[in-house]
């Protein structure tokens, strides 16, 4: 239960840092609460992207099951492969 709360907390951190990490996308990106994300975790339209860098990702014991790992500094190389018809959530920290 604690790990799940930490993972959801990580998403909230990303949402707070979104305007710094992804300035091009953040202006139009809606924010969500931990409860809203929790409600979406089993939704087939959810694409959950873990964009933590380097050791933040490799050293972490807190990974959300089903999340797809992408490099945050290579957005241009992977952004187009995800459908705009899906709910895309990025998280880090």
PDB file of N, CA and C in Angstrom:
ATOM      1  N   UNK A   1       0.830  -1.200   0.000  1.00  0.00           N
ATOM      2  CA  UNK A   1       0.000   0.000   0.000  1.00  0.00           C
ATOM      3  C   UNK A   1       0.873   1.261   0.000  1.00  0.00           C
ATOM      4  N   UNK A   2       1.949   1.235   0.779  1.00  0.00           N
ATOM      5  CA  UNK A   2       2.834   2.400   0.853  1.00  0.00           C
ATOM      6  C   UNK A   2       3.521   2.613  -0.494  1.00  0.00           C
ATOM      7  N   UNK A   3       3.982   1.524  -1.134  1.00  0.00           N
ATOM      8  CA  UNK A   3       4.636   1.661  -2.434  1.00  0.00           C
ATOM      9  C   UNK A   3       3.678   2.236  -3.465  1.00  0.00           C
ATOM     10  N   UNK A   4       2.430   1.809  -3.422  1.00  0.00           N
ATOM     11  CA  UNK A   4       1.440   2.317  -4.367  1.00  0.00           C
ATOM     12  C   UNK A   4       1.235   3.815  -4.158  1.00  0.00           C
ATOM     13  N   UNK A   5       1.189   4.249  -2.901  1.00  0.00           N
ATOM     14  CA  UNK A   5       1.035   5.678  -2.615  1.00  0.00           C
ATOM     15  C   UNK A   5       2.254   6.452  -3.095  1.00  0.00           C
ATOM     16  N   UNK A   6       3.451   5.867  -2.938  1.00  0.00           N
ATOM     17  CA  UNK A   6       4.662   6.523  -3.420  1.00  0.00           C
ATOM     18  C   UNK A   6       4.645   6.654  -4.932  1.00  0.00           C
ATOM     19  N   UNK A   7       4.178   5.624  -5.619  1.00  0.00           N
ATOM     20  CA  UNK A   7       4.111   5.685  -7.074  1.00  0.00           C
ATOM     21  C   UNK A   7       3.125   6.747  -7.526  1.00  0.00           C
ATOM     22  N   UNK A   8       1.984   6.795  -6.901  1.00  0.00           N
ATOM     23  CA  UNK A   8       0.986   7.803  -7.267  1.00  0.00           C
ATOM     24  C   UNK A   8       1.517   9.192  -6.913  1.00  0.00           C
ATOM     25  N   UNK A   9       2.224   9.294  -5.799  1.00  0.00           N
ATOM     26  CA  UNK A   9       2.855  10.565  -5.427  1.00  0.00           C
ATOM     27  C   UNK A   9       3.869  11.002  -6.469  1.00  0.00           C
ATOM     28  N   UNK A  10       4.585  10.033  -7.049  1.00  0.00           N
ATOM     29  CA  UNK A  10       5.548  10.346  -8.099  1.00  0.00           C
ATOM     30  C   UNK A  10       4.866  10.967  -9.301  1.00  0.00           C
ATOM     31  N   UNK A  11       3.689  10.470  -9.630  1.00  0.00           N
ATOM     32  CA  UNK A  11       2.938  11.026 -10.748  1.00  0.00           C
ATOM     33  C   UNK A  11       2.582  12.478 -10.458  1.00  0.00           C
ATOM     34  N   UNK A  12       2.181  12.742  -9.241  1.00  0.00           N
ATOM     35  CA  UNK A  12       1.839  14.119  -8.886  1.00  0.00           C
ATOM     36  C   UNK A  12       3.056  15.032  -8.975  1.00  0.00           C
ATOM     37  N   UNK A  13       4.221  14.504  -8.625  1.00  0.00           N
ATOM     38  CA  UNK A  13       5.445  15.292  -8.758  1.00  0.00           C
ATOM     39  C   UNK A  13       5.678  15.634 -10.217  1.00  0.00           C
ATOM     40  N   UNK A  14       5.504  14.640 -11.091  1.00  0.00           N
ATOM     41  CA  UNK A  14       5.661  14.908 -12.518  1.00  0.00           C
ATOM     42  C   UNK A  14       4.685  15.974 -12.965  1.00  0.00           C
ATOM     43  N   UNK A  15       3.457  15.852 -12.545  1.00  0.00           N
ATOM     44  CA  UNK A  15       2.456  16.821 -12.959  1.00  0.00           C
ATOM     45  C   UNK A  15       2.846  18.224 -12.510  1.00  0.00           C
ATOM     46  N   UNK A  16       3.459  18.315 -11.345  1.00  0.00           N
ATOM     47  CA  UNK A  16       3.921  19.608 -10.854  1.00  0.00           C
ATOM     48  C   UNK A  16       5.131  20.115 -11.614  1.00  0.00           C
ATOM     49  N   UNK A  17       5.982  19.202 -12.072  1.00  0.00           N
ATOM     50  CA  UNK A  17       7.189  19.579 -12.803  1.00  0.00           C
ATOM     51  C   UNK A  17       6.973  19.634 -14.306  1.00  0.00           C
ATOM     52  N   UNK A  18       5.802  19.242 -14.743  1.00  0.00           N
ATOM     53  CA  UNK A  18       5.529  19.159 -16.175  1.00  0.00           C
ATOM     54  C   UNK A  18       5.848  20.421 -16.949  1.00  0.00           C
ATOM     55  N   UNK A  19       5.577  21.552 -16.382  1.00  0.00           N
ATOM     56  CA  UNK A  19       5.843  22.793 -17.101  1.00  0.00           C
ATOM     57  C   UNK A  19       7.333  23.062 -17.240  1.00  0.00           C
ATOM     58  N   UNK A  20       8.142  22.427 -16.397  1.00  0.00           N
ATOM     59  CA  UNK A  20       9.587  22.600 -16.499  1.00  0.00           C
ATOM     60  C   UNK A  20      10.191  21.562 -17.433  1.00  0.00           C
ATOM     61  N   UNK A  21       9.730  20.315 -17.351  1.00  0.00           N
ATOM     62  CA  UNK A  21      10.293  19.232 -18.138  1.00  0.00           C
ATOM     63  C   UNK A  21       9.783  19.252 -19.567  1.00  0.00           C
ATOM     64  N   UNK A  22       8.500  19.478 -19.760  1.00  0.00           N
ATOM     65  CA  UNK A  22       7.885  19.426 -21.078  1.00  0.00           C
ATOM     66  C   UNK A  22       7.155  20.732 -21.368  1.00  0.00           C
ATOM     67  N   UNK A  23       7.892  21.842 -21.514  1.00  0.00           N
ATOM     68  CA  UNK A  23       7.219  23.135 -21.695  1.00  0.00           C
ATOM     69  C   UNK A  23       6.354  23.206 -22.935  1.00  0.00           C
ATOM     70  N   UNK A  24       6.690  22.491 -23.985  1.00  0.00           N
ATOM     71  CA  UNK A  24       5.900  22.535 -25.208  1.00  0.00           C
ATOM     72  C   UNK A  24       4.535  21.903 -24.986  1.00  0.00           C
ATOM     73  N   UNK A  25       4.484  20.840 -24.188  1.00  0.00           N
ATOM     74  CA  UNK A  25       3.250  20.109 -23.975  1.00  0.00           C
ATOM     75  C   UNK A  25       2.448  20.613 -22.783  1.00  0.00           C
ATOM     76  N   UNK A  26       3.086  21.205 -21.816  1.00  0.00           N
ATOM     77  CA  UNK A  26       2.433  21.485 -20.537  1.00  0.00           C
ATOM     78  C   UNK A  26       1.351  22.548 -20.596  1.00  0.00           C
ATOM     79  N   UNK A  27       1.426  23.467 -21.526  1.00  0.00           N
ATOM     80  CA  UNK A  27       0.437  24.541 -21.571  1.00  0.00           C
ATOM     81  C   UNK A  27      -0.977  23.997 -21.754  1.00  0.00           C
ATOM     82  N   UNK A  28      -1.108  22.945 -22.543  1.00  0.00           N
ATOM     83  CA  UNK A  28      -2.423  22.382 -22.808  1.00  0.00           C
ATOM     84  C   UNK A  28      -2.682  21.088 -22.047  1.00  0.00           C
ATOM     85  N   UNK A  29      -1.717  20.618 -21.292  1.00  0.00           N
ATOM     86  CA  UNK A  29      -1.858  19.326 -20.610  1.00  0.00           C
ATOM     87  C   UNK A  29      -2.668  19.485 -19.332  1.00  0.00           C
ATOM     88  N   UNK A  30      -3.763  18.739 -19.241  1.00  0.00           N
ATOM     89  CA  UNK A  30      -4.544  18.802 -17.999  1.00  0.00           C
ATOM     90  C   UNK A  30      -3.808  18.102 -16.868  1.00  0.00           C
ATOM     91  N   UNK A  31      -4.085  18.502 -15.661  1.00  0.00           N
ATOM     92  CA  UNK A  31      -3.496  17.893 -14.466  1.00  0.00           C
ATOM     93  C   UNK A  31      -4.482  16.875 -13.920  1.00  0.00           C
ATOM     94  N   UNK A  32      -3.978  15.909 -13.158  1.00  0.00           N
ATOM     95  CA  UNK A  32      -4.857  14.950 -12.509  1.00  0.00           C
ATOM     96  C   UNK A  32      -4.368  14.663 -11.109  1.00  0.00           C
ATOM     97  N   UNK A  33      -5.291  14.284 -10.282  1.00  0.00           N
ATOM     98  CA  UNK A  33      -4.960  13.937  -8.905  1.00  0.00           C
ATOM     99  C   UNK A  33      -4.556  12.467  -8.840  1.00  0.00           C
ATOM    100  N   UNK A  34      -4.001  12.072  -7.710  1.00  0.00           N
ATOM    101  CA  UNK A  34      -3.643  10.670  -7.497  1.00  0.00           C
ATOM    102  C   UNK A  34      -4.877   9.782  -7.587  1.00  0.00           C
ATOM    103  N   UNK A  35      -5.987  10.237  -7.056  1.00  0.00           N
ATOM    104  CA  UNK A  35      -7.222   9.453  -7.117  1.00  0.00           C
ATOM    105  C   UNK A  35      -7.715   9.294  -8.556  1.00  0.00           C
ATOM    106  N   UNK A  36      -7.581  10.337  -9.351  1.00  0.00           N
ATOM    107  CA  UNK A  36      -7.996  10.247 -10.756  1.00  0.00           C
ATOM    108  C   UNK A  36      -7.125   9.238 -11.505  1.00  0.00           C
ATOM    109  N   UNK A  37      -5.822   9.270 -11.250  1.00  0.00           N
ATOM    110  CA  UNK A  37      -4.938   8.305 -11.890  1.00  0.00           C
ATOM    111  C   UNK A  37      -5.260   6.890 -11.433  1.00  0.00           C
ATOM    112  N   UNK A  38      -5.465   6.721 -10.153  1.00  0.00           N
ATOM    113  CA  UNK A  38      -5.783   5.394  -9.610  1.00  0.00           C
ATOM    114  C   UNK A  38      -7.018   4.823 -10.303  1.00  0.00           C
ATOM    115  N   UNK A  39      -8.007   5.657 -10.562  1.00  0.00           N
ATOM    116  CA  UNK A  39      -9.229   5.216 -11.226  1.00  0.00           C
ATOM    117  C   UNK A  39      -8.975   4.815 -12.681  1.00  0.00           C
ATOM    118  N   UNK A  40      -7.911   5.331 -13.277  1.00  0.00           N
ATOM    119  CA  UNK A  40      -7.608   5.051 -14.685  1.00  0.00           C
ATOM    120  C   UNK A  40      -6.686   3.859 -14.901  1.00  0.00           C
ATOM    121  N   UNK A  41      -6.053   3.359 -13.854  1.00  0.00           N
ATOM    122  CA  UNK A  41      -4.993   2.367 -14.023  1.00  0.00           C
ATOM    123  C   UNK A  41      -5.408   1.118 -14.795  1.00  0.00           C
ATOM    124  N   UNK A  42      -6.646   0.738 -14.773  1.00  0.00           N
ATOM    125  CA  UNK A  42      -7.105  -0.440 -15.520  1.00  0.00           C
ATOM    126  C   UNK A  42      -7.818  -0.073 -16.824  1.00  0.00           C
ATOM    127  N   UNK A  43      -7.820   1.186 -17.166  1.00  0.00           N
ATOM    128  CA  UNK A  43      -8.473   1.649 -18.384  1.00  0.00           C
ATOM    129  C   UNK A  43      -7.624   1.266 -19.604  1.00  0.00           C
ATOM    130  N   UNK A  44      -8.185   0.557 -20.578  1.00  0.00           N
ATOM    131  CA  UNK A  44      -7.411   0.162 -21.752  1.00  0.00           C
ATOM    132  C   UNK A  44      -6.963   1.345 -22.620  1.00  0.00           C
ATOM    133  N   UNK A  45      -7.567   2.510 -22.414  1.00  0.00           N
ATOM    134  CA  UNK A  45      -7.172   3.693 -23.178  1.00  0.00           C
ATOM    135  C   UNK A  45      -6.030   4.466 -22.524  1.00  0.00           C
ATOM    136  N   UNK A  46      -5.534   3.985 -21.392  1.00  0.00           N
ATOM    137  CA  UNK A  46      -4.451   4.661 -20.677  1.00  0.00           C
ATOM    138  C   UNK A  46      -3.099   4.209 -21.210  1.00  0.00           C
ATOM    139  N   UNK A  47      -2.262   5.170 -21.532  1.00  0.00           N
ATOM    140  CA  UNK A  47      -0.855   4.912 -21.828  1.00  0.00           C
ATOM    141  C   UNK A  47      -0.070   5.640 -20.750  1.00  0.00           C
ATOM    142  N   UNK A  48       0.599   4.888 -19.911  1.00  0.00           N
ATOM    143  CA  UNK A  48       1.339   5.438 -18.781  1.00  0.00           C
ATOM    144  C   UNK A  48       2.818   5.370 -19.107  1.00  0.00           C
ATOM    145  N   UNK A  49       3.448   6.546 -19.206  1.00  0.00           N
ATOM    146  CA  UNK A  49       4.851   6.622 -19.587  1.00  0.00           C
ATOM    147  C   UNK A  49       5.708   7.026 -18.397  1.00  0.00           C
ATOM    148  N   UNK A  50       6.690   6.208 -18.094  1.00  0.00           N
ATOM    149  CA  UNK A  50       7.664   6.489 -17.049  1.00  0.00           C
ATOM    150  C   UNK A  50       8.835   7.183 -17.722  1.00  0.00           C
ATOM    151  N   UNK A  51       9.017   8.462 -17.462  1.00  0.00           N
ATOM    152  CA  UNK A  51      10.064   9.239 -18.121  1.00  0.00           C
ATOM    153  C   UNK A  51      11.190   9.633 -17.165  1.00  0.00           C
ATOM    154  N   UNK A  52      11.352   8.837 -16.116  1.00  0.00           N
ATOM    155  CA  UNK A  52      12.472   9.104 -15.207  1.00  0.00           C
ATOM    156  C   UNK A  52      13.783   8.847 -15.931  1.00  0.00           C
ATOM    157  N   UNK A  53      14.804   9.571 -15.544  1.00  0.00           N
ATOM    158  CA  UNK A  53      16.092   9.465 -16.214  1.00  0.00           C
ATOM    159  C   UNK A  53      17.087   8.622 -15.418  1.00  0.00           C
ATOM    160  N   UNK A  54      17.996   8.002 -16.136  1.00  0.00           N
ATOM    161  CA  UNK A  54      19.136   7.302 -15.574  1.00  0.00           C
ATOM    162  C   UNK A  54      18.870   6.503 -14.319  1.00  0.00           C
ATOM    163  N   UNK A  55      19.638   6.825 -13.278  1.00  0.00           N
ATOM    164  CA  UNK A  55      19.550   6.078 -12.028  1.00  0.00           C
ATOM    165  C   UNK A  55      18.233   6.308 -11.293  1.00  0.00           C
ATOM    166  N   UNK A  56      17.533   7.400 -11.591  1.00  0.00           N
ATOM    167  CA  UNK A  56      16.210   7.598 -10.985  1.00  0.00           C
ATOM    168  C   UNK A  56      15.289   6.443 -11.351  1.00  0.00           C
ATOM    169  N   UNK A  57      15.466   5.928 -12.562  1.00  0.00           N
ATOM    170  CA  UNK A  57      14.647   4.806 -13.002  1.00  0.00           C
ATOM    171  C   UNK A  57      15.265   3.471 -12.600  1.00  0.00           C
ATOM    172  N   UNK A  58      16.545   3.281 -12.896  1.00  0.00           N
ATOM    173  CA  UNK A  58      17.169   1.981 -12.642  1.00  0.00           C
ATOM    174  C   UNK A  58      17.253   1.642 -11.161  1.00  0.00           C
ATOM    175  N   UNK A  59      17.457   2.625 -10.313  1.00  0.00           N
ATOM    176  CA  UNK A  59      17.599   2.382  -8.872  1.00  0.00           C
ATOM    177  C   UNK A  59      16.272   2.350  -8.124  1.00  0.00           C
ATOM    178  N   UNK A  60      15.193   2.626  -8.807  1.00  0.00           N
ATOM    179  CA  UNK A  60      13.894   2.723  -8.145  1.00  0.00           C
ATOM    180  C   UNK A  60      13.248   1.358  -7.937  1.00  0.00           C
ATOM    181  N   UNK A  61      12.701   1.163  -6.754  1.00  0.00           N
ATOM    182  CA  UNK A  61      11.891  -0.018  -6.471  1.00  0.00           C
ATOM    183  C   UNK A  61      10.414   0.272  -6.738  1.00  0.00           C
ATOM    184  N   UNK A  62      10.104   1.512  -7.040  1.00  0.00           N
ATOM    185  CA  UNK A  62       8.716   1.934  -7.255  1.00  0.00           C
ATOM    186  C   UNK A  62       8.465   2.163  -8.733  1.00  0.00           C
ATOM    187  N   UNK A  63       7.949   1.147  -9.378  1.00  0.00           N
ATOM    188  CA  UNK A  63       7.585   1.254 -10.786  1.00  0.00           C
ATOM    189  C   UNK A  63       6.124   0.845 -10.917  1.00  0.00           C
ATOM    190  N   UNK A  64       5.368   1.634 -11.640  1.00  0.00           N
ATOM    191  CA  UNK A  64       3.952   1.338 -11.813  1.00  0.00           C
ATOM    192  C   UNK A  64       3.817   0.250 -12.868  1.00  0.00           C
ATOM    193  N   UNK A  65       3.155  -0.824 -12.497  1.00  0.00           N
ATOM    194  CA  UNK A  65       2.963  -1.948 -13.406  1.00  0.00           C
ATOM    195  C   UNK A  65       2.227  -1.485 -14.658  1.00  0.00           C
ATOM    196  N   UNK A  66       2.759  -1.863 -15.799  1.00  0.00           N
ATOM    197  CA  UNK A  66       2.152  -1.505 -17.075  1.00  0.00           C
ATOM    198  C   UNK A  66       2.696  -0.229 -17.685  1.00  0.00           C
ATOM    199  N   UNK A  67       3.497   0.519 -16.931  1.00  0.00           N
ATOM    200  CA  UNK A  67       4.070   1.753 -17.469  1.00  0.00           C
ATOM    201  C   UNK A  67       5.124   1.416 -18.519  1.00  0.00           C
ATOM    202  N   UNK A  68       5.233   2.278 -19.504  1.00  0.00           N
ATOM    203  CA  UNK A  68       6.203   2.116 -20.579  1.00  0.00           C
ATOM    204  C   UNK A  68       7.342   3.092 -20.315  1.00  0.00           C
ATOM    205  N   UNK A  69       8.542   2.608 -20.379  1.00  0.00           N
ATOM    206  CA  UNK A  69       9.725   3.440 -20.126  1.00  0.00           C
ATOM    207  C   UNK A  69      10.107   4.178 -21.395  1.00  0.00           C
ATOM    208  N   UNK A  70      10.234   5.497 -21.301  1.00  0.00           N
ATOM    209  CA  UNK A  70      10.691   6.335 -22.406  1.00  0.00           C
ATOM    210  C   UNK A  70      11.699   7.347 -21.865  1.00  0.00           C
ATOM    211  N   UNK A  71      12.645   7.742 -22.692  1.00  0.00           N
ATOM    212  CA  UNK A  71      13.645   8.744 -22.310  1.00  0.00           C
ATOM    213  C   UNK A  71      13.033  10.139 -22.443  1.00  0.00           C
ATOM    214  N   UNK A  72      13.081  10.893 -21.351  1.00  0.00           N
ATOM    215  CA  UNK A  72      12.466  12.224 -21.351  1.00  0.00           C
ATOM    216  C   UNK A  72      13.167  13.190 -22.297  1.00  0.00           C
ATOM    217  N   UNK A  73      14.438  12.968 -22.554  1.00  0.00           N
ATOM    218  CA  UNK A  73      15.170  13.882 -23.435  1.00  0.00           C
ATOM    219  C   UNK A  73      15.087  13.484 -24.901  1.00  0.00           C
ATOM    220  N   UNK A  74      14.258  12.485 -25.221  1.00  0.00           N
ATOM    221  CA  UNK A  74      14.099  12.034 -26.603  1.00  0.00           C
ATOM    222  C   UNK A  74      12.629  12.050 -27.033  1.00  0.00           C
ATOM    223  N   UNK A  75      11.898  13.029 -26.546  1.00  0.00           N
ATOM    224  CA  UNK A  75      10.460  13.110 -26.819  1.00  0.00           C
ATOM    225  C   UNK A  75      10.162  13.069 -28.313  1.00  0.00           C
ATOM    226  N   UNK A  76      10.946  13.766 -29.109  1.00  0.00           N
ATOM    227  CA  UNK A  76      10.682  13.811 -30.552  1.00  0.00           C
ATOM    228  C   UNK A  76      10.755  12.431 -31.192  1.00  0.00           C
ATOM    229  N   UNK A  77      11.569  11.541 -30.644  1.00  0.00           N
ATOM    230  CA  UNK A  77      11.720  10.217 -31.250  1.00  0.00           C
ATOM    231  C   UNK A  77      10.585   9.256 -30.893  1.00  0.00           C
ATOM    232  N   UNK A  78       9.864   9.488 -29.806  1.00  0.00           N
ATOM    233  CA  UNK A  78       8.808   8.546 -29.409  1.00  0.00           C
ATOM    234  C   UNK A  78       7.416   9.140 -29.323  1.00  0.00           C
ATOM    235  N   UNK A  79       7.281  10.425 -29.314  1.00  0.00           N
ATOM    236  CA  UNK A  79       5.967  11.048 -29.103  1.00  0.00           C
ATOM    237  C   UNK A  79       4.945  10.650 -30.165  1.00  0.00           C
ATOM    238  N   UNK A  80       5.376  10.503 -31.393  1.00  0.00           N
ATOM    239  CA  UNK A  80       4.441  10.202 -32.485  1.00  0.00           C
ATOM    240  C   UNK A  80       3.940   8.760 -32.484  1.00  0.00           C
ATOM    241  N   UNK A  81       4.566   7.877 -31.726  1.00  0.00           N
ATOM    242  CA  UNK A  81       4.132   6.481 -31.773  1.00  0.00           C
ATOM    243  C   UNK A  81       2.923   6.188 -30.887  1.00  0.00           C
ATOM    244  N   UNK A  82       2.493   7.177 -30.095  1.00  0.00           N
ATOM    245  CA  UNK A  82       1.336   6.987 -29.215  1.00  0.00           C
ATOM    246  C   UNK A  82       0.126   7.714 -29.777  1.00  0.00           C
ATOM    247  N   UNK A  83      -0.999   7.030 -29.787  1.00  0.00           N
ATOM    248  CA  UNK A  83      -2.230   7.573 -30.338  1.00  0.00           C
ATOM    249  C   UNK A  83      -2.719   8.773 -29.530  1.00  0.00           C
ATOM    250  N   UNK A  84      -3.112   9.795 -30.236  1.00  0.00           N
ATOM    251  CA  UNK A  84      -3.672  10.982 -29.588  1.00  0.00           C
ATOM    252  C   UNK A  84      -5.093  10.724 -29.084  1.00  0.00           C
ATOM    253  N   UNK A  85      -5.652   9.591 -29.432  1.00  0.00           N
ATOM    254  CA  UNK A  85      -6.977   9.209 -28.972  1.00  0.00           C
ATOM    255  C   UNK A  85      -6.939   8.524 -27.611  1.00  0.00           C
ATOM    256  N   UNK A  86      -5.745   8.297 -27.100  1.00  0.00           N
ATOM    257  CA  UNK A  86      -5.568   7.625 -25.810  1.00  0.00           C
ATOM    258  C   UNK A  86      -5.336   8.667 -24.717  1.00  0.00           C
ATOM    259  N   UNK A  87      -5.423   8.214 -23.472  1.00  0.00           N
ATOM    260  CA  UNK A  87      -5.100   9.053 -22.319  1.00  0.00           C
ATOM    261  C   UNK A  87      -3.619   8.814 -22.021  1.00  0.00           C
ATOM    262  N   UNK A  88      -2.795   9.811 -22.226  1.00  0.00           N
ATOM    263  CA  UNK A  88      -1.359   9.649 -22.029  1.00  0.00           C
ATOM    264  C   UNK A  88      -0.942  10.395 -20.763  1.00  0.00           C
ATOM    265  N   UNK A  89      -0.341   9.645 -19.840  1.00  0.00           N
ATOM    266  CA  UNK A  89       0.124  10.208 -18.565  1.00  0.00           C
ATOM    267  C   UNK A  89       1.618   9.969 -18.476  1.00  0.00           C
ATOM    268  N   UNK A  90       2.368  11.041 -18.252  1.00  0.00           N
ATOM    269  CA  UNK A  90       3.812  10.951 -18.044  1.00  0.00           C
ATOM    270  C   UNK A  90       4.091  11.097 -16.556  1.00  0.00           C
ATOM    271  N   UNK A  91       5.048  10.310 -16.060  1.00  0.00           N
ATOM    272  CA  UNK A  91       5.434  10.495 -14.663  1.00  0.00           C
ATOM    273  C   UNK A  91       6.929  10.319 -14.485  1.00  0.00           C
ATOM    274  N   UNK A  92       7.461  10.941 -13.434  1.00  0.00           N
ATOM    275  CA  UNK A  92       8.875  10.825 -13.091  1.00  0.00           C
ATOM    276  C   UNK A  92       9.031  11.016 -11.590  1.00  0.00           C
ATOM    277  N   UNK A  93      10.261  11.096 -11.151  1.00  0.00           N
ATOM    278  CA  UNK A  93      10.662  11.343  -9.747  1.00  0.00           C
ATOM    279  C   UNK A  93      10.516  10.137  -8.843  1.00  0.00           C
TER     280      UNK A  93
END
